[in-house]
Amino acid sequence: MYDQNRPQRQMHDVSSLGLKCTECGVDITELPFEPTKRDDGTYGRLYCQPCNRNRRKSFGGGGSGFGGGGRRDRY
């Protein structure tokens, strides 16, 4: 679960970038990091909070670390 001793992550407003969740297609307006464009001009695979939470659960991530093994999928 959430670690009470860990500080809250700073959220970055990305609403002007027009980002959509790769999984469900909802608009992404905030991320816990500032996304950077890849060489192909995209931001890669990004996920909304509920979809990211579900993905982390399916990879066995119980709230510690990223729980995704060696995958580089983003929030």
N, C-alpha and C. Protein backbone atom coordinates (compact mmCIF):
# COMPACT_ATOMS: atom_id res chain seq x y z
N MET A 1 0.83 -1.19 0.00
CA MET A 1 0.00 0.00 0.00
C MET A 1 0.87 1.25 0.00
N TYR A 2 0.24 2.39 0.16
CA TYR A 2 0.95 3.66 0.16
C TYR A 2 1.81 3.79 1.41
N ASP A 3 3.03 4.18 1.22
CA ASP A 3 3.98 4.34 2.32
C ASP A 3 3.77 5.73 2.95
N GLN A 4 3.33 5.77 4.20
CA GLN A 4 3.02 7.02 4.89
C GLN A 4 4.25 7.91 5.06
N ASN A 5 5.45 7.32 5.06
CA ASN A 5 6.67 8.09 5.26
C ASN A 5 7.20 8.70 3.97
N ARG A 6 6.64 8.31 2.86
CA ARG A 6 7.10 8.80 1.58
C ARG A 6 6.38 10.10 1.23
N PRO A 7 7.10 11.12 0.76
CA PRO A 7 6.43 12.38 0.41
C PRO A 7 5.54 12.22 -0.82
N GLN A 8 4.51 13.03 -0.88
CA GLN A 8 3.59 13.03 -2.02
C GLN A 8 4.35 13.46 -3.27
N ARG A 9 4.10 12.80 -4.38
CA ARG A 9 4.76 13.16 -5.63
C ARG A 9 4.21 14.46 -6.18
N GLN A 10 5.09 15.25 -6.77
CA GLN A 10 4.66 16.47 -7.43
C GLN A 10 4.00 16.08 -8.75
N MET A 11 2.82 16.63 -9.02
CA MET A 11 2.13 16.34 -10.26
C MET A 11 2.36 17.48 -11.24
N HIS A 12 2.55 17.13 -12.50
CA HIS A 12 2.81 18.11 -13.56
C HIS A 12 1.60 18.21 -14.47
N ASP A 13 1.18 19.43 -14.75
CA ASP A 13 0.04 19.67 -15.63
C ASP A 13 0.48 19.42 -17.08
N VAL A 14 -0.15 18.43 -17.72
CA VAL A 14 0.18 18.10 -19.11
C VAL A 14 -1.04 18.25 -20.01
N SER A 15 -2.04 18.99 -19.53
CA SER A 15 -3.30 19.13 -20.27
C SER A 15 -3.08 19.78 -21.64
N SER A 16 -2.09 20.62 -21.79
CA SER A 16 -1.85 21.29 -23.06
C SER A 16 -1.23 20.36 -24.11
N LEU A 17 -0.79 19.18 -23.70
CA LEU A 17 -0.13 18.25 -24.64
C LEU A 17 -1.11 17.34 -25.36
N GLY A 18 -2.37 17.29 -24.90
CA GLY A 18 -3.38 16.45 -25.55
C GLY A 18 -3.09 14.96 -25.44
N LEU A 19 -2.60 14.52 -24.29
CA LEU A 19 -2.25 13.12 -24.10
C LEU A 19 -3.47 12.28 -23.76
N LYS A 20 -3.49 11.05 -24.25
CA LYS A 20 -4.58 10.11 -23.98
C LYS A 20 -4.00 8.84 -23.38
N CYS A 21 -4.78 8.20 -22.52
CA CYS A 21 -4.38 6.92 -21.93
C CYS A 21 -4.33 5.85 -23.02
N THR A 22 -3.24 5.11 -23.05
CA THR A 22 -3.07 4.04 -24.03
C THR A 22 -4.12 2.96 -23.86
N GLU A 23 -4.54 2.72 -22.63
CA GLU A 23 -5.46 1.62 -22.32
C GLU A 23 -6.92 1.99 -22.60
N CYS A 24 -7.39 3.11 -22.03
CA CYS A 24 -8.83 3.42 -22.10
C CYS A 24 -9.16 4.66 -22.93
N GLY A 25 -8.15 5.45 -23.31
CA GLY A 25 -8.38 6.60 -24.18
C GLY A 25 -8.79 7.89 -23.48
N VAL A 26 -8.88 7.89 -22.14
CA VAL A 26 -9.26 9.10 -21.42
C VAL A 26 -8.14 10.14 -21.52
N ASP A 27 -8.51 11.42 -21.48
CA ASP A 27 -7.51 12.49 -21.49
C ASP A 27 -6.66 12.42 -20.23
N ILE A 28 -5.36 12.58 -20.39
CA ILE A 28 -4.44 12.63 -19.25
C ILE A 28 -4.08 14.10 -19.05
N THR A 29 -4.40 14.62 -17.86
CA THR A 29 -4.14 16.03 -17.59
C THR A 29 -3.00 16.24 -16.60
N GLU A 30 -2.66 15.21 -15.82
CA GLU A 30 -1.58 15.30 -14.84
C GLU A 30 -0.74 14.02 -14.86
N LEU A 31 0.55 14.19 -14.67
CA LEU A 31 1.46 13.06 -14.54
C LEU A 31 2.45 13.35 -13.42
N PRO A 32 2.99 12.30 -12.79
CA PRO A 32 3.96 12.52 -11.71
C PRO A 32 5.37 12.77 -12.24
N PHE A 33 5.48 13.09 -13.52
CA PHE A 33 6.76 13.41 -14.15
C PHE A 33 6.47 14.28 -15.36
N GLU A 34 7.50 14.94 -15.88
CA GLU A 34 7.34 15.72 -17.10
C GLU A 34 7.71 14.82 -18.27
N PRO A 35 6.76 14.52 -19.14
CA PRO A 35 7.06 13.61 -20.24
C PRO A 35 7.98 14.26 -21.26
N THR A 36 8.79 13.46 -21.90
CA THR A 36 9.67 13.94 -22.97
C THR A 36 9.36 13.14 -24.23
N LYS A 37 9.50 13.81 -25.35
CA LYS A 37 9.23 13.14 -26.62
C LYS A 37 10.37 12.18 -26.95
N ARG A 38 9.98 11.08 -27.54
CA ARG A 38 10.95 10.10 -28.03
C ARG A 38 11.44 10.52 -29.41
N ASP A 39 12.39 9.77 -29.93
CA ASP A 39 12.93 10.06 -31.27
C ASP A 39 11.86 10.02 -32.35
N ASP A 40 10.82 9.19 -32.15
CA ASP A 40 9.76 9.08 -33.15
C ASP A 40 8.70 10.18 -33.02
N GLY A 41 8.90 11.12 -32.08
CA GLY A 41 7.98 12.24 -31.92
C GLY A 41 6.80 11.98 -31.00
N THR A 42 6.71 10.78 -30.43
CA THR A 42 5.62 10.46 -29.50
C THR A 42 6.13 10.50 -28.07
N TYR A 43 5.21 10.39 -27.14
CA TYR A 43 5.57 10.32 -25.72
C TYR A 43 5.58 8.88 -25.21
N GLY A 44 5.40 7.93 -26.11
CA GLY A 44 5.37 6.54 -25.70
C GLY A 44 4.01 6.17 -25.12
N ARG A 45 3.96 5.05 -24.43
CA ARG A 45 2.70 4.58 -23.84
C ARG A 45 2.51 5.22 -22.48
N LEU A 46 1.43 5.97 -22.34
CA LEU A 46 1.10 6.63 -21.08
C LEU A 46 -0.25 6.12 -20.61
N TYR A 47 -0.42 6.05 -19.29
CA TYR A 47 -1.64 5.49 -18.71
C TYR A 47 -2.21 6.43 -17.66
N CYS A 48 -3.56 6.49 -17.59
CA CYS A 48 -4.22 7.26 -16.54
C CYS A 48 -4.01 6.53 -15.21
N GLN A 49 -4.33 7.18 -14.11
CA GLN A 49 -4.10 6.58 -12.79
C GLN A 49 -4.80 5.25 -12.60
N PRO A 50 -6.11 5.13 -12.91
CA PRO A 50 -6.77 3.83 -12.70
C PRO A 50 -6.16 2.71 -13.56
N CYS A 51 -5.86 2.99 -14.81
CA CYS A 51 -5.27 1.96 -15.68
C CYS A 51 -3.87 1.60 -15.22
N ASN A 52 -3.10 2.58 -14.80
CA ASN A 52 -1.76 2.30 -14.30
C ASN A 52 -1.83 1.45 -13.03
N ARG A 53 -2.76 1.76 -12.16
CA ARG A 53 -2.93 0.98 -10.93
C ARG A 53 -3.28 -0.47 -11.26
N ASN A 54 -4.18 -0.67 -12.22
CA ASN A 54 -4.55 -2.03 -12.64
C ASN A 54 -3.37 -2.76 -13.27
N ARG A 55 -2.59 -2.05 -14.06
CA ARG A 55 -1.41 -2.67 -14.68
C ARG A 55 -0.41 -3.10 -13.61
N ARG A 56 -0.19 -2.24 -12.63
CA ARG A 56 0.77 -2.56 -11.57
C ARG A 56 0.32 -3.78 -10.78
N LYS A 57 -0.99 -3.88 -10.52
CA LYS A 57 -1.52 -5.04 -9.82
C LYS A 57 -1.30 -6.31 -10.63
N SER A 58 -1.52 -6.21 -11.94
CA SER A 58 -1.39 -7.40 -12.79
C SER A 58 0.06 -7.86 -12.91
N PHE A 59 1.02 -6.95 -12.68
CA PHE A 59 2.43 -7.31 -12.71
C PHE A 59 2.94 -7.70 -11.32
N GLY A 60 2.07 -7.72 -10.35
CA GLY A 60 2.46 -8.12 -9.00
C GLY A 60 3.05 -6.99 -8.19
N GLY A 61 2.87 -5.76 -8.65
CA GLY A 61 3.39 -4.61 -7.90
C GLY A 61 2.45 -4.26 -6.78
N GLY A 62 2.86 -4.50 -5.56
CA GLY A 62 2.00 -4.23 -4.42
C GLY A 62 2.21 -2.86 -3.83
N GLY A 63 2.64 -1.89 -4.62
CA GLY A 63 2.80 -0.54 -4.12
C GLY A 63 4.23 -0.19 -3.78
N SER A 64 5.14 -1.14 -3.86
CA SER A 64 6.53 -0.83 -3.60
C SER A 64 7.28 -0.85 -4.92
N GLY A 65 8.00 0.19 -5.19
CA GLY A 65 8.73 0.27 -6.45
C GLY A 65 7.75 0.43 -7.59
N PHE A 66 8.14 -0.02 -8.76
CA PHE A 66 7.28 0.12 -9.91
C PHE A 66 6.52 -1.16 -10.22
N GLY A 67 6.95 -2.29 -9.69
CA GLY A 67 6.20 -3.52 -9.83
C GLY A 67 6.08 -4.04 -11.24
N GLY A 68 6.84 -3.53 -12.17
CA GLY A 68 6.68 -3.94 -13.55
C GLY A 68 7.85 -4.71 -14.11
N GLY A 69 8.73 -5.18 -13.28
CA GLY A 69 9.88 -5.91 -13.79
C GLY A 69 10.74 -5.01 -14.63
N GLY A 70 11.14 -5.47 -15.81
CA GLY A 70 12.04 -4.70 -16.65
C GLY A 70 11.33 -3.83 -17.66
N ARG A 71 10.03 -3.71 -17.58
CA ARG A 71 9.29 -2.93 -18.59
C ARG A 71 9.48 -1.45 -18.39
N ARG A 72 9.50 -0.70 -19.49
CA ARG A 72 9.70 0.73 -19.40
C ARG A 72 8.42 1.49 -19.73
N ASP A 73 7.26 0.85 -19.57
CA ASP A 73 6.00 1.57 -19.79
C ASP A 73 5.90 2.68 -18.77
N ARG A 74 5.30 3.77 -19.21
CA ARG A 74 5.20 4.92 -18.31
C ARG A 74 3.83 5.00 -17.69
N TYR A 75 3.74 5.86 -16.72
CA TYR A 75 2.51 6.16 -16.02
C TYR A 75 1.46 6.46 -17.05
